Amino acid sequence: MRRLDQVFRSIGREPERETCEGIKGIIEEGEKYTKAKGDDMVRDAALICAAQRVEHYEMAGYGTARTFAEQLGYDEAVQLLDQTLQEEKVTDKKLTDLAAQSINIKAAHA
């Protein structure tokens, strides 16, 4: 959130706090997996899937905001948003690697 505050300050605006209903729904769905019965590896695979849904949602938002900032000539905001977008992509890649190289394999054999 601090970086988003920086983005808003860089364009001369004050951020307004809102609850994002979309991400809230994705998180609630993921929380259901923590209580699900069954094999631990299958549950872990589902949790990774839920985490990646959050990452993809965030990447879409940051990517869109970055594009608007580019079009409006807000260079500092572009830099900040791109930094956040790249961090989200790294996290998504780590989750993909974890799932593909370990968790999903174990879940498939559960």
C-alpha atoms as a PDB file:
ATOM      1  CA  MET A   1       0.000   0.000   0.000  1.00  0.00           C
ATOM      2  CA  ARG A   2       2.883   2.357   0.633  1.00  0.00           C
ATOM      3  CA  ARG A   3       3.903   2.218  -2.997  1.00  0.00           C
ATOM      4  CA  LEU A   4       0.371   2.997  -4.124  1.00  0.00           C
ATOM      5  CA  ASP A   5       0.412   5.959  -1.757  1.00  0.00           C
ATOM      6  CA  GLN A   6       3.617   7.071  -3.527  1.00  0.00           C
ATOM      7  CA  VAL A   7       1.918   6.672  -6.902  1.00  0.00           C
ATOM      8  CA  PHE A   8      -0.954   8.898  -5.837  1.00  0.00           C
ATOM      9  CA  ARG A   9       1.370  11.504  -4.325  1.00  0.00           C
ATOM     10  CA  SER A  10       3.442  11.508  -7.530  1.00  0.00           C
ATOM     11  CA  ILE A  11       0.372  12.608  -9.493  1.00  0.00           C
ATOM     12  CA  GLY A  12      -0.780  15.103  -6.865  1.00  0.00           C
ATOM     13  CA  ARG A  13      -3.690  13.064  -5.523  1.00  0.00           C
ATOM     14  CA  GLU A  14      -4.676  11.594  -2.180  1.00  0.00           C
ATOM     15  CA  PRO A  15      -5.584   7.905  -2.261  1.00  0.00           C
ATOM     16  CA  GLU A  16      -9.021   6.809  -1.110  1.00  0.00           C
ATOM     17  CA  ARG A  17      -9.289   3.479   0.676  1.00  0.00           C
ATOM     18  CA  GLU A  18     -11.847   1.031  -0.661  1.00  0.00           C
ATOM     19  CA  THR A  19     -12.491  -2.645  -0.189  1.00  0.00           C
ATOM     20  CA  CYS A  20     -12.051  -4.515  -3.450  1.00  0.00           C
ATOM     21  CA  GLU A  21     -14.967  -6.924  -3.623  1.00  0.00           C
ATOM     22  CA  GLY A  22     -13.331  -8.989  -6.379  1.00  0.00           C
ATOM     23  CA  ILE A  23     -10.184  -9.748  -4.424  1.00  0.00           C
ATOM     24  CA  LYS A  24     -12.236 -10.205  -1.263  1.00  0.00           C
ATOM     25  CA  GLY A  25     -14.193 -12.968  -3.009  1.00  0.00           C
ATOM     26  CA  ILE A  26     -11.036 -14.677  -4.245  1.00  0.00           C
ATOM     27  CA  ILE A  27      -9.554 -14.608  -0.740  1.00  0.00           C
ATOM     28  CA  GLU A  28     -12.764 -15.961   0.812  1.00  0.00           C
ATOM     29  CA  GLU A  29     -12.752 -18.797  -1.692  1.00  0.00           C
ATOM     30  CA  GLY A  30      -9.131 -19.582  -0.855  1.00  0.00           C
ATOM     31  CA  GLU A  31      -9.919 -19.595   2.859  1.00  0.00           C
ATOM     32  CA  LYS A  32     -12.449 -22.373   2.238  1.00  0.00           C
ATOM     33  CA  TYR A  33      -9.596 -24.551   0.999  1.00  0.00           C
ATOM     34  CA  THR A  34      -7.815 -24.247   4.338  1.00  0.00           C
ATOM     35  CA  LYS A  35     -10.773 -25.963   6.002  1.00  0.00           C
ATOM     36  CA  ALA A  36     -11.345 -28.587   3.317  1.00  0.00           C
ATOM     37  CA  LYS A  37     -11.024 -32.211   4.255  1.00  0.00           C
ATOM     38  CA  GLY A  38      -8.892 -34.584   2.257  1.00  0.00           C
ATOM     39  CA  ASP A  39      -5.294 -34.969   1.218  1.00  0.00           C
ATOM     40  CA  ASP A  40      -2.896 -32.232   2.329  1.00  0.00           C
ATOM     41  CA  MET A  41      -1.161 -32.061  -1.059  1.00  0.00           C
ATOM     42  CA  VAL A  42      -4.453 -31.612  -2.910  1.00  0.00           C
ATOM     43  CA  ARG A  43      -5.388 -28.842  -0.491  1.00  0.00           C
ATOM     44  CA  ASP A  44      -1.963 -27.225  -0.953  1.00  0.00           C
ATOM     45  CA  ALA A  45      -2.384 -27.340  -4.734  1.00  0.00           C
ATOM     46  CA  ALA A  46      -5.764 -25.624  -4.378  1.00  0.00           C
ATOM     47  CA  LEU A  47      -4.238 -22.965  -2.112  1.00  0.00           C
ATOM     48  CA  ILE A  48      -1.489 -22.265  -4.634  1.00  0.00           C
ATOM     49  CA  CYS A  49      -4.166 -21.913  -7.301  1.00  0.00           C
ATOM     50  CA  ALA A  50      -6.051 -19.425  -5.121  1.00  0.00           C
ATOM     51  CA  ALA A  51      -2.852 -17.467  -4.438  1.00  0.00           C
ATOM     52  CA  GLN A  52      -2.140 -17.284  -8.157  1.00  0.00           C
ATOM     53  CA  ARG A  53      -5.640 -15.982  -8.809  1.00  0.00           C
ATOM     54  CA  VAL A  54      -4.860 -13.139  -6.398  1.00  0.00           C
ATOM     55  CA  GLU A  55      -1.547 -12.468  -8.160  1.00  0.00           C
ATOM     56  CA  HIS A  56      -3.180 -12.411 -11.601  1.00  0.00           C
ATOM     57  CA  TYR A  57      -5.894 -10.049 -10.375  1.00  0.00           C
ATOM     58  CA  GLU A  58      -3.232  -7.731  -8.976  1.00  0.00           C
ATOM     59  CA  MET A  59      -1.130  -7.928 -12.152  1.00  0.00           C
ATOM     60  CA  ALA A  60      -4.146  -6.940 -14.236  1.00  0.00           C
ATOM     61  CA  GLY A  61      -4.791  -3.922 -12.022  1.00  0.00           C
ATOM     62  CA  TYR A  62      -1.196  -2.750 -11.870  1.00  0.00           C
ATOM     63  CA  GLY A  63      -0.701  -3.295 -15.595  1.00  0.00           C
ATOM     64  CA  THR A  64      -3.794  -1.284 -16.460  1.00  0.00           C
ATOM     65  CA  ALA A  65      -2.832   1.521 -14.078  1.00  0.00           C
ATOM     66  CA  ARG A  66       0.696   1.594 -15.494  1.00  0.00           C
ATOM     67  CA  THR A  67      -0.648   1.898 -19.043  1.00  0.00           C
ATOM     68  CA  PHE A  68      -2.918   4.787 -18.061  1.00  0.00           C
ATOM     69  CA  ALA A  69      -0.018   6.483 -16.269  1.00  0.00           C
ATOM     70  CA  GLU A  70       2.117   6.112 -19.426  1.00  0.00           C
ATOM     71  CA  GLN A  71      -0.589   7.628 -21.581  1.00  0.00           C
ATOM     72  CA  LEU A  72      -0.985  10.540 -19.169  1.00  0.00           C
ATOM     73  CA  GLY A  73       2.754  11.186 -18.925  1.00  0.00           C
ATOM     74  CA  TYR A  74       3.100  10.338 -15.221  1.00  0.00           C
ATOM     75  CA  ASP A  75       6.649   8.999 -15.454  1.00  0.00           C
ATOM     76  CA  GLU A  76       7.233   8.499 -11.720  1.00  0.00           C
ATOM     77  CA  ALA A  77       3.925   6.650 -11.375  1.00  0.00           C
ATOM     78  CA  VAL A  78       4.861   4.454 -14.351  1.00  0.00           C
ATOM     79  CA  GLN A  79       8.133   3.510 -12.659  1.00  0.00           C
ATOM     80  CA  LEU A  80       6.480   2.721  -9.334  1.00  0.00           C
ATOM     81  CA  LEU A  81       3.661   0.716 -10.898  1.00  0.00           C
ATOM     82  CA  ASP A  82       6.072  -1.184 -13.117  1.00  0.00           C
ATOM     83  CA  GLN A  83       8.208  -2.066 -10.092  1.00  0.00           C
ATOM     84  CA  THR A  84       5.150  -3.471  -8.336  1.00  0.00           C
ATOM     85  CA  LEU A  85       4.026  -5.323 -11.460  1.00  0.00           C
ATOM     86  CA  GLN A  86       7.441  -6.956 -11.814  1.00  0.00           C
ATOM     87  CA  GLU A  87       7.357  -8.049  -8.163  1.00  0.00           C
ATOM     88  CA  GLU A  88       3.930  -9.607  -8.684  1.00  0.00           C
ATOM     89  CA  LYS A  89       5.237 -11.482 -11.727  1.00  0.00           C
ATOM     90  CA  VAL A  90       8.163 -12.846  -9.705  1.00  0.00           C
ATOM     91  CA  THR A  91       5.775 -14.063  -7.006  1.00  0.00           C
ATOM     92  CA  ASP A  92       3.543 -15.692  -9.616  1.00  0.00           C
ATOM     93  CA  LYS A  93       6.554 -17.455 -11.154  1.00  0.00           C
ATOM     94  CA  LYS A  94       7.609 -18.787  -7.746  1.00  0.00           C
ATOM     95  CA  LEU A  95       4.105 -20.143  -7.163  1.00  0.00           C
ATOM     96  CA  THR A  96       4.057 -21.731 -10.625  1.00  0.00           C
ATOM     97  CA  ASP A  97       7.423 -23.372 -10.022  1.00  0.00           C
ATOM     98  CA  LEU A  98       6.377 -24.662  -6.605  1.00  0.00           C
ATOM     99  CA  ALA A  99       3.191 -26.136  -8.024  1.00  0.00           C
ATOM    100  CA  ALA A 100       4.744 -27.628 -11.151  1.00  0.00           C
ATOM    101  CA  GLN A 101       7.891 -29.031  -9.562  1.00  0.00           C
ATOM    102  CA  SER A 102       6.456 -30.377  -6.347  1.00  0.00           C
ATOM    103  CA  ILE A 103       2.951 -29.833  -5.023  1.00  0.00           C
ATOM    104  CA  ASN A 104       0.944 -30.679  -8.149  1.00  0.00           C
ATOM    105  CA  ILE A 105       2.975 -33.841  -8.726  1.00  0.00           C
ATOM    106  CA  LYS A 106       2.306 -35.013  -5.182  1.00  0.00           C
ATOM    107  CA  ALA A 107      -1.361 -33.999  -5.405  1.00  0.00           C
ATOM    108  CA  ALA A 108      -1.788 -35.956  -8.631  1.00  0.00           C
ATOM    109  CA  HIS A 109      -0.613 -39.112  -6.866  1.00  0.00           C
ATOM    110  CA  ALA A 110      -2.684 -38.590  -3.732  1.00  0.00           C
END
